[in-house]
């Protein structure tokens, strides 16, 4: 999964975040969590709106489920910075700044922070997945003209490549051409909830069964940076069982 540090509020408070293309809301662990002391003992960092001179906490609450658990939270407005090395970074003015951003601070959570080992979930997907009235952070960066170009990119390296000094990263406003050779092949997003793209075929042991050709509407796949497994819909699972492929 793609995790990095974010800095919330003024002065900036450092938290470790998961940048999730499978969701669209931003959830941040806070000192308002019921088990906040236990989480801090486990080395989690918690955002404290009371220690930010720019935070505005509302009384509006909401609850949402994720793949492993669920969260309950309160809507809050504050500044978020991305791209800093630390909260005392002399290049703070060069960070990607999202001013007065509306997000959710967690007041309750089950099987989220411990499973992902993060302090926040940053939803990077489309507005159709977001809570009504909330702008996803990517849309907000575009609206505030925080990016050089309206694009973000992930680069992933394997464990053995890390030993050679290579690192995984996420870039905002551009993609790093040193991370690949040749040309990028672009695929149109066919369903703007998740980043869903058209899937031409699925091969089992190198053999095609025409699954996507005969399935009504064809096949799609979604690229989810917040999930480490490959999942399939029910019709494909049934097909695999029928042909002894699972």
Protein backbone atom coordinates (compact mmCIF):
# COMPACT_ATOMS: atom_id res chain seq x y z
CA UNK A 1 0.00 0.00 0.00
CA UNK A 2 1.11 3.58 -0.60
CA UNK A 3 1.73 5.41 2.66
CA UNK A 4 3.47 8.71 3.28
CA UNK A 5 3.39 11.60 5.73
CA UNK A 6 0.89 14.44 5.77
CA UNK A 7 0.93 17.59 7.89
CA UNK A 8 -2.34 18.86 9.28
CA UNK A 9 -3.11 22.25 10.82
CA UNK A 10 -1.04 25.23 11.92
CA UNK A 11 1.51 24.59 13.26
CA UNK A 12 1.71 21.37 11.17
CA UNK A 13 1.05 18.03 12.90
CA UNK A 14 2.72 15.02 11.29
CA UNK A 15 0.72 11.84 10.58
CA UNK A 16 1.30 8.72 8.49
CA UNK A 17 -1.38 8.37 5.81
CA UNK A 18 -2.57 5.76 3.35
CA UNK A 19 -3.28 7.29 -0.09
CA UNK A 20 -6.24 5.20 -1.19
CA UNK A 21 -7.56 5.19 -4.78
CA UNK A 22 -10.40 2.96 -3.57
CA UNK A 23 -12.16 5.70 -1.56
CA UNK A 24 -12.84 9.43 -1.77
CA UNK A 25 -13.08 10.78 1.78
CA UNK A 26 -10.25 11.80 4.08
CA UNK A 27 -10.29 10.25 7.57
CA UNK A 28 -7.75 11.38 10.17
CA UNK A 29 -7.15 9.80 13.57
CA UNK A 30 -7.63 12.35 16.34
CA UNK A 31 -7.27 12.73 20.06
CA UNK A 32 -11.07 12.53 20.18
CA UNK A 33 -10.89 8.76 19.56
CA UNK A 34 -12.26 6.71 22.44
CA UNK A 35 -9.08 4.60 22.60
CA UNK A 36 -6.66 7.44 21.84
CA UNK A 37 -4.28 6.68 24.74
CA UNK A 38 -4.00 3.03 23.67
CA UNK A 39 -3.26 4.08 20.07
CA UNK A 40 -0.55 6.51 21.15
CA UNK A 41 1.10 3.72 23.16
CA UNK A 42 1.19 1.75 19.88
CA UNK A 43 3.13 4.63 18.27
CA UNK A 44 0.20 6.11 16.36
CA UNK A 45 0.19 9.89 15.90
CA UNK A 46 -3.13 11.63 16.51
CA UNK A 47 -4.27 14.96 15.12
CA UNK A 48 -5.32 17.41 17.82
CA UNK A 49 -7.64 20.14 16.47
CA UNK A 50 -7.20 22.00 19.75
CA UNK A 51 -3.49 22.48 18.94
CA UNK A 52 -4.16 23.99 15.51
CA UNK A 53 -5.01 27.67 15.27
CA UNK A 54 -6.83 27.10 11.96
CA UNK A 55 -9.11 24.14 12.81
CA UNK A 56 -12.90 24.32 12.82
CA UNK A 57 -14.70 21.27 14.22
CA UNK A 58 -18.40 20.80 13.45
CA UNK A 59 -21.12 18.76 15.16
CA UNK A 60 -21.90 16.81 11.97
CA UNK A 61 -21.05 13.12 12.28
CA UNK A 62 -20.99 10.21 9.83
CA UNK A 63 -20.09 6.52 9.79
CA UNK A 64 -18.53 4.53 6.93
CA UNK A 65 -17.29 0.97 6.34
CA UNK A 66 -14.02 -0.09 4.71
CA UNK A 67 -12.75 -3.46 3.56
CA UNK A 68 -11.51 -4.42 7.02
CA UNK A 69 -13.58 -2.34 9.45
CA UNK A 70 -15.48 0.89 9.97
CA UNK A 71 -15.04 4.49 11.13
CA UNK A 72 -17.22 7.10 12.77
CA UNK A 73 -16.15 10.72 12.65
CA UNK A 74 -16.85 14.44 12.85
CA UNK A 75 -16.44 16.86 9.98
CA UNK A 76 -13.56 19.29 10.48
CA UNK A 77 -11.93 22.03 8.40
CA UNK A 78 -8.18 22.70 8.51
CA UNK A 79 -5.11 23.07 6.29
CA UNK A 80 -3.31 19.99 4.97
CA UNK A 81 0.22 19.93 3.52
CA UNK A 82 1.75 17.20 1.38
CA UNK A 83 5.34 16.75 0.24
CA UNK A 84 7.25 17.90 3.34
CA UNK A 85 10.21 16.00 4.78
CA UNK A 86 9.18 16.98 8.31
CA UNK A 87 7.18 19.66 10.14
CA UNK A 88 10.28 21.90 10.39
CA UNK A 89 11.14 21.56 6.70
CA UNK A 90 12.63 24.88 5.50
CA UNK A 91 10.83 24.28 2.18
CA UNK A 92 7.40 24.44 3.81
CA UNK A 93 6.29 27.03 1.26
CA UNK A 94 7.05 24.57 -1.54
CA UNK A 95 4.71 21.92 -0.14
CA UNK A 96 1.36 21.15 -1.74
CA UNK A 97 -0.99 23.16 0.46
CA UNK A 98 -4.73 22.45 0.61
CA UNK A 99 -6.29 25.31 2.55
CA UNK A 100 -9.48 25.04 4.59
CA UNK A 101 -10.05 21.46 3.60
CA UNK A 102 -13.12 19.61 4.89
CA UNK A 103 -12.31 16.13 6.22
CA UNK A 104 -13.37 13.71 8.93
CA UNK A 105 -11.61 13.22 12.23
CA UNK A 106 -12.15 9.76 13.69
CA UNK A 107 -14.04 9.51 16.96
CA UNK A 108 -14.48 5.72 16.72
CA UNK A 109 -12.76 3.09 14.59
CA UNK A 110 -12.75 -0.68 14.36
CA UNK A 111 -10.05 -2.69 12.57
CA UNK A 112 -8.72 0.26 10.55
CA UNK A 113 -5.65 1.86 12.14
CA UNK A 114 -4.22 -1.37 13.51
CA UNK A 115 -4.71 -3.27 10.26
CA UNK A 116 -3.20 -0.60 8.00
CA UNK A 117 -0.67 0.78 10.54
CA UNK A 118 -1.51 4.36 9.55
CA UNK A 119 -2.97 7.46 11.20
CA UNK A 120 -5.08 8.65 8.27
CA UNK A 121 -6.76 7.48 5.07
CA UNK A 122 -6.64 9.91 2.16
CA UNK A 123 -9.31 9.06 -0.43
CA UNK A 124 -7.92 9.77 -3.91
CA UNK A 125 -10.89 8.64 -6.00
CA UNK A 126 -13.86 10.38 -7.63
CA UNK A 127 -16.55 12.56 -6.07
CA UNK A 128 -19.29 9.97 -6.72
CA UNK A 129 -17.77 7.90 -3.90
CA UNK A 130 -17.53 10.84 -1.48
CA UNK A 131 -19.99 11.89 1.18
CA UNK A 132 -22.47 14.38 -0.24
CA UNK A 133 -21.17 17.93 0.13
CA UNK A 134 -17.54 16.88 0.56
CA UNK A 135 -14.91 17.46 -2.14
CA UNK A 136 -12.30 14.69 -2.54
CA UNK A 137 -8.78 15.91 -1.89
CA UNK A 138 -7.63 15.50 -5.52
CA UNK A 139 -10.56 17.62 -6.75
CA UNK A 140 -9.79 20.17 -4.02
CA UNK A 141 -6.14 20.42 -5.10
CA UNK A 142 -7.27 21.00 -8.67
CA UNK A 143 -9.82 23.65 -7.64
CA UNK A 144 -7.25 25.47 -5.52
CA UNK A 145 -4.71 25.17 -8.37
CA UNK A 146 -2.26 23.52 -6.01
CA UNK A 147 -0.78 21.28 -8.72
CA UNK A 148 1.43 22.11 -11.67
CA UNK A 149 -0.61 19.62 -13.70
CA UNK A 150 -3.82 17.88 -12.69
CA UNK A 151 -2.25 14.47 -12.26
CA UNK A 152 -0.86 12.18 -9.58
CA UNK A 153 1.21 9.04 -10.00
CA UNK A 154 2.45 6.05 -8.02
CA UNK A 155 5.74 4.24 -8.51
CA UNK A 156 6.30 0.88 -6.86
CA UNK A 157 9.56 -1.01 -6.43
CA UNK A 158 10.12 -4.54 -5.16
CA UNK A 159 11.89 -5.42 -1.91
CA UNK A 160 15.05 -6.55 -3.67
CA UNK A 161 15.11 -3.25 -5.61
CA UNK A 162 15.01 -1.30 -2.34
CA UNK A 163 18.36 -2.88 -1.45
CA UNK A 164 19.74 -1.22 -4.59
CA UNK A 165 18.63 2.19 -3.35
CA UNK A 166 15.38 2.47 -5.30
CA UNK A 167 12.28 3.73 -3.50
CA UNK A 168 8.54 3.68 -4.05
CA UNK A 169 6.93 7.08 -4.22
CA UNK A 170 3.87 9.13 -5.09
CA UNK A 171 4.14 12.32 -7.11
CA UNK A 172 1.62 15.14 -7.24
CA UNK A 173 1.30 17.31 -10.33
CA UNK A 174 3.63 15.23 -12.49
CA UNK A 175 5.01 11.73 -13.08
CA UNK A 176 8.70 10.91 -12.75
CA UNK A 177 10.06 9.91 -16.17
CA UNK A 178 13.16 8.40 -14.58
CA UNK A 179 10.97 5.61 -13.13
CA UNK A 180 10.31 3.86 -16.45
CA UNK A 181 11.57 3.28 -19.98
CA UNK A 182 9.56 3.57 -23.19
CA UNK A 183 6.17 5.25 -23.40
CA UNK A 184 3.27 5.23 -20.97
CA UNK A 185 0.16 3.48 -22.26
CA UNK A 186 -2.92 5.39 -21.14
CA UNK A 187 -6.27 3.71 -20.48
CA UNK A 188 -9.53 5.69 -20.26
CA UNK A 189 -11.45 5.45 -17.00
CA UNK A 190 -14.77 3.85 -17.94
CA UNK A 191 -16.54 4.22 -14.59
CA UNK A 192 -15.69 7.23 -12.47
CA UNK A 193 -16.40 5.87 -9.03
CA UNK A 194 -13.21 3.92 -8.60
CA UNK A 195 -10.49 4.11 -11.23
CA UNK A 196 -12.19 1.44 -13.35
CA UNK A 197 -10.66 0.55 -16.72
CA UNK A 198 -11.75 -1.89 -19.42
CA UNK A 199 -10.44 -5.44 -19.06
CA UNK A 200 -10.08 -7.24 -22.39
CA UNK A 201 -9.69 -10.78 -21.13
CA UNK A 202 -8.75 -12.98 -18.18
CA UNK A 203 -6.38 -15.87 -18.79
CA UNK A 204 -6.23 -18.96 -16.60
CA UNK A 205 -2.89 -20.77 -16.87
CA UNK A 206 -2.32 -18.89 -20.10
CA UNK A 207 -5.63 -20.00 -21.62
CA UNK A 208 -8.60 -17.81 -22.55
CA UNK A 209 -12.16 -18.90 -21.74
CA UNK A 210 -13.86 -15.91 -23.38
CA UNK A 211 -15.14 -14.72 -20.02
CA UNK A 212 -15.16 -11.00 -20.86
CA UNK A 213 -16.43 -11.58 -24.38
CA UNK A 214 -19.63 -13.27 -23.21
CA UNK A 215 -20.25 -11.43 -19.95
CA UNK A 216 -22.89 -8.74 -20.38
CA UNK A 217 -21.19 -5.35 -20.43
CA UNK A 218 -17.73 -6.91 -20.68
CA UNK A 219 -15.20 -6.80 -17.86
CA UNK A 220 -13.71 -3.97 -15.84
CA UNK A 221 -10.93 -3.82 -13.32
CA UNK A 222 -10.23 -1.17 -10.71
CA UNK A 223 -6.81 -0.09 -9.47
CA UNK A 224 -6.98 0.20 -5.68
CA UNK A 225 -3.86 1.41 -3.88
CA UNK A 226 -5.49 0.73 -0.49
CA UNK A 227 -5.94 -3.02 -0.99
CA UNK A 228 -3.21 -5.63 -1.21
CA UNK A 229 -5.22 -8.53 -2.63
CA UNK A 230 -6.81 -9.29 -5.98
CA UNK A 231 -10.58 -9.67 -5.71
CA UNK A 232 -13.15 -10.79 -8.27
CA UNK A 233 -16.93 -10.26 -8.53
CA UNK A 234 -19.40 -13.05 -7.86
CA UNK A 235 -19.98 -13.95 -11.53
CA UNK A 236 -16.26 -14.51 -12.07
CA UNK A 237 -15.92 -16.50 -8.86
CA UNK A 238 -18.80 -18.75 -9.97
CA UNK A 239 -17.21 -19.15 -13.41
CA UNK A 240 -13.89 -20.16 -11.87
CA UNK A 241 -15.58 -22.74 -9.63
CA UNK A 242 -17.61 -24.14 -12.54
CA UNK A 243 -14.44 -24.75 -14.56
CA UNK A 244 -12.36 -25.91 -11.56
CA UNK A 245 -10.12 -22.86 -11.83
CA UNK A 246 -10.37 -21.78 -8.19
